[in-house]
C-alpha atoms as a PDB file:
ATOM      1  CA  MET A   1     -16.408 -21.425  11.322  1.00  0.00           C
ATOM      2  CA  LEU A   2     -14.127 -21.189   8.287  1.00  0.00           C
ATOM      3  CA  PHE A   3     -14.211 -24.966   8.011  1.00  0.00           C
ATOM      4  CA  LEU A   4     -18.041 -24.918   7.920  1.00  0.00           C
ATOM      5  CA  ILE A   5     -18.072 -22.249   5.187  1.00  0.00           C
ATOM      6  CA  ILE A   6     -15.614 -24.262   3.072  1.00  0.00           C
ATOM      7  CA  LEU A   7     -17.644 -27.428   3.611  1.00  0.00           C
ATOM      8  CA  LEU A   8     -20.738 -25.507   2.647  1.00  0.00           C
ATOM      9  CA  ILE A   9     -19.161 -24.427  -0.688  1.00  0.00           C
ATOM     10  CA  ILE A  10     -18.065 -27.954  -1.432  1.00  0.00           C
ATOM     11  CA  ILE A  11     -21.601 -29.284  -0.774  1.00  0.00           C
ATOM     12  CA  CYS A  12     -23.084 -26.583  -3.053  1.00  0.00           C
ATOM     13  CA  ILE A  13     -20.891 -27.569  -5.837  1.00  0.00           C
ATOM     14  CA  ALA A  14     -21.787 -31.275  -5.326  1.00  0.00           C
ATOM     15  CA  LEU A  15     -25.405 -30.336  -5.339  1.00  0.00           C
ATOM     16  CA  ALA A  16     -25.080 -28.447  -8.546  1.00  0.00           C
ATOM     17  CA  LEU A  17     -23.348 -31.479 -10.201  1.00  0.00           C
ATOM     18  CA  PHE A  18     -26.166 -33.742  -8.897  1.00  0.00           C
ATOM     19  CA  VAL A  19     -28.767 -31.554 -10.429  1.00  0.00           C
ATOM     20  CA  LEU A  20     -26.960 -31.178 -13.716  1.00  0.00           C
ATOM     21  CA  VAL A  21     -26.513 -34.912 -14.066  1.00  0.00           C
ATOM     22  CA  GLN A  22     -30.195 -35.544 -13.648  1.00  0.00           C
ATOM     23  CA  ASN A  23     -32.523 -35.398 -16.632  1.00  0.00           C
ATOM     24  CA  PRO A  24     -36.134 -34.559 -15.903  1.00  0.00           C
ATOM     25  CA  LYS A  25     -37.336 -37.037 -18.534  1.00  0.00           C
ATOM     26  CA  GLY A  26     -35.699 -40.041 -16.747  1.00  0.00           C
ATOM     27  CA  GLY A  27     -32.436 -39.842 -18.721  1.00  0.00           C
ATOM     28  CA  GLY A  28     -29.282 -38.454 -17.106  1.00  0.00           C
ATOM     29  CA  LEU A  29     -26.861 -41.211 -16.044  1.00  0.00           C
ATOM     30  CA  ALA A  30     -29.379 -43.926 -16.766  1.00  0.00           C
ATOM     31  CA  THR A  31     -29.182 -43.414 -20.483  1.00  0.00           C
ATOM     32  CA  GLY A  32     -26.677 -45.066 -22.825  1.00  0.00           C
ATOM     33  CA  GLY A  33     -23.856 -47.318 -21.982  1.00  0.00           C
ATOM     34  CA  ALA A  34     -23.857 -51.059 -20.877  1.00  0.00           C
ATOM     35  CA  GLY A  35     -22.883 -50.206 -17.313  1.00  0.00           C
ATOM     36  CA  SER A  36     -26.049 -48.325 -16.547  1.00  0.00           C
ATOM     37  CA  ASN A  37     -28.212 -51.316 -17.578  1.00  0.00           C
ATOM     38  CA  MET A  38     -26.910 -53.184 -14.559  1.00  0.00           C
ATOM     39  CA  PHE A  39     -28.806 -50.865 -12.163  1.00  0.00           C
ATOM     40  CA  GLY A  40     -31.697 -49.905 -14.313  1.00  0.00           C
ATOM     41  CA  VAL A  41     -33.303 -46.570 -14.914  1.00  0.00           C
ATOM     42  CA  GLN A  42     -35.396 -46.434 -11.735  1.00  0.00           C
ATOM     43  CA  ARG A  43     -32.467 -47.283  -9.458  1.00  0.00           C
ATOM     44  CA  THR A  44     -30.147 -44.622 -10.834  1.00  0.00           C
ATOM     45  CA  GLY A  45     -32.879 -41.999 -10.603  1.00  0.00           C
ATOM     46  CA  ASP A  46     -33.551 -43.004  -6.977  1.00  0.00           C
ATOM     47  CA  VAL A  47     -29.880 -42.629  -6.036  1.00  0.00           C
ATOM     48  CA  LEU A  48     -29.576 -39.275  -7.704  1.00  0.00           C
ATOM     49  CA  GLU A  49     -32.811 -38.014  -6.170  1.00  0.00           C
ATOM     50  CA  LYS A  50     -31.858 -39.189  -2.649  1.00  0.00           C
ATOM     51  CA  GLY A  51     -28.415 -37.694  -3.014  1.00  0.00           C
ATOM     52  CA  THR A  52     -29.977 -34.400  -4.017  1.00  0.00           C
ATOM     53  CA  TRP A  53     -32.209 -34.383  -0.967  1.00  0.00           C
ATOM     54  CA  ILE A  54     -29.372 -35.385   1.323  1.00  0.00           C
ATOM     55  CA  LEU A  55     -27.127 -32.574   0.026  1.00  0.00           C
ATOM     56  CA  LEU A  56     -30.015 -30.095   0.259  1.00  0.00           C
ATOM     57  CA  ALA A  57     -30.631 -31.049   3.892  1.00  0.00           C
ATOM     58  CA  LEU A  58     -26.808 -30.643   4.618  1.00  0.00           C
ATOM     59  CA  ILE A  59     -26.846 -27.232   3.092  1.00  0.00           C
ATOM     60  CA  VAL A  60     -29.792 -26.137   5.328  1.00  0.00           C
ATOM     61  CA  VAL A  61     -28.169 -27.569   8.456  1.00  0.00           C
ATOM     62  CA  LEU A  62     -24.738 -26.017   7.675  1.00  0.00           C
ATOM     63  CA  THR A  63     -26.363 -22.625   6.884  1.00  0.00           C
ATOM     64  CA  LEU A  64     -28.325 -22.538  10.127  1.00  0.00           C
ATOM     65  CA  SER A  65     -25.215 -23.585  12.084  1.00  0.00           C
ATOM     66  CA  ILE A  66     -23.074 -20.902  10.463  1.00  0.00           C
ATOM     67  CA  THR A  67     -25.693 -18.328  11.233  1.00  0.00           C
ATOM     68  CA  THR A  68     -26.052 -19.463  14.803  1.00  0.00           C
ATOM     69  CA  ILE A  69     -22.346 -19.448  15.409  1.00  0.00           C
ATOM     70  CA  ALA A  70     -21.959 -15.999  13.799  1.00  0.00           C
ATOM     71  CA  LYS A  71     -24.786 -14.488  15.915  1.00  0.00           C
ATOM     72  CA  THR A  72     -23.460 -15.835  19.208  1.00  0.00           C
ATOM     73  CA  GLY A  73     -19.954 -14.606  18.407  1.00  0.00           C
ATOM     74  CA  GLY A  74     -18.402 -18.108  18.279  1.00  0.00           C
ATOM     75  CA  SER A  75     -15.010 -16.708  17.238  1.00  0.00           C
ATOM     76  CA  ALA A  76     -12.149 -18.958  18.277  1.00  0.00           C
ATOM     77  CA  SER A  77      -9.763 -16.037  18.857  1.00  0.00           C
ATOM     78  CA  GLY A  78     -10.342 -13.122  21.135  1.00  0.00           C
ATOM     79  CA  VAL A  79      -9.800 -10.608  18.458  1.00  0.00           C
ATOM     80  CA  ASP A  80     -13.484  -9.701  18.108  1.00  0.00           C
ATOM     81  CA  SER A  81     -13.887  -9.205  21.821  1.00  0.00           C
ATOM     82  CA  LYS A  82     -10.790  -6.915  22.023  1.00  0.00           C
ATOM     83  CA  ILE A  83     -12.199  -4.848  19.193  1.00  0.00           C
ATOM     84  CA  GLN A  84     -15.543  -4.617  20.929  1.00  0.00           C
ATOM     85  CA  GLN A  85     -13.798  -3.562  24.241  1.00  0.00           C
ATOM     86  CA  GLN A  86     -11.874  -0.859  22.428  1.00  0.00           C
ATOM     87  CA  LEU A  87     -15.121   0.374  20.752  1.00  0.00           C
ATOM     88  CA  ASP A  88     -16.831   0.459  24.218  1.00  0.00           C
ATOM     89  CA  LYS A  89     -14.048   2.606  25.656  1.00  0.00           C
ATOM     90  CA  THR A  90     -14.222   5.346  22.938  1.00  0.00           C
ATOM     91  CA  PRO A  91     -16.423   8.248  23.745  1.00  0.00           C
ATOM     92  CA  THR A  92     -19.585   8.729  21.690  1.00  0.00           C
ATOM     93  CA  PRO A  93     -19.903  12.130  19.843  1.00  0.00           C
ATOM     94  CA  SER A  94     -22.585  14.599  20.799  1.00  0.00           C
ATOM     95  CA  PRO A  95     -25.778  14.112  18.813  1.00  0.00           C
ATOM     96  CA  LEU A  96     -26.006  17.914  18.279  1.00  0.00           C
ATOM     97  CA  GLY A  97     -22.573  18.061  16.811  1.00  0.00           C
ATOM     98  CA  GLY A  98     -21.708  21.288  18.705  1.00  0.00           C
ATOM     99  CA  GLY A  99     -18.013  20.462  18.866  1.00  0.00           C
ATOM    100  CA  THR A 100     -15.986  20.582  22.050  1.00  0.00           C
ATOM    101  CA  THR A 101     -17.062  22.247  25.219  1.00  0.00           C
ATOM    102  CA  ALA A 102     -14.860  24.330  27.470  1.00  0.00           C
ATOM    103  CA  PRO A 103     -13.565  22.877  30.707  1.00  0.00           C
ATOM    104  CA  ALA A 104     -15.555  23.856  33.838  1.00  0.00           C
ATOM    105  CA  ASN A 105     -12.720  25.962  35.405  1.00  0.00           C
ATOM    106  CA  THR A 106     -12.277  28.472  32.558  1.00  0.00           C
ATOM    107  CA  PRO A 107     -13.998  31.871  32.918  1.00  0.00           C
ATOM    108  CA  PRO A 108     -16.859  32.650  30.643  1.00  0.00           C
ATOM    109  CA  VAL A 109     -16.205  34.796  27.582  1.00  0.00           C
ATOM    110  CA  THR A 110     -18.104  37.992  27.418  1.00  0.00           C
ATOM    111  CA  ASN A 111     -18.859  40.099  24.329  1.00  0.00           C
ATOM    112  CA  ASP A 112     -17.846  43.377  25.831  1.00  0.00           C
ATOM    113  CA  THR A 113     -16.877  45.540  22.886  1.00  0.00           C
ATOM    114  CA  THR A 114     -16.327  48.800  24.908  1.00  0.00           C
ATOM    115  CA  LYS A 115     -12.730  49.472  25.757  1.00  0.00           C
ATOM    116  CA  LYS A 116     -11.783  51.512  28.843  1.00  0.00           C
END
């Protein structure tokens, strides 16, 4: 799962770079320089737009995958299950918060204030 999270971060950074490179007026990588004339304005815009959509789709798929794995408890190690077992063994406190109760074999305490 850690691998998927790292991959998601890398794809998010790549998507941010793809969006920053684009220019809404048709500029971006397609403006200036003799090398960009080889592909033309339309072709460079298409590549950047398709790359943006592909990276966006990868982000959605990875996010859903990470969520599904996290909800199903897809931990590779048994640490989570050991912690859950220990939590299941611990007694739950009383909802009234009355403290401890006396054991069943102790005699009841009376409030007899008269001394003989």
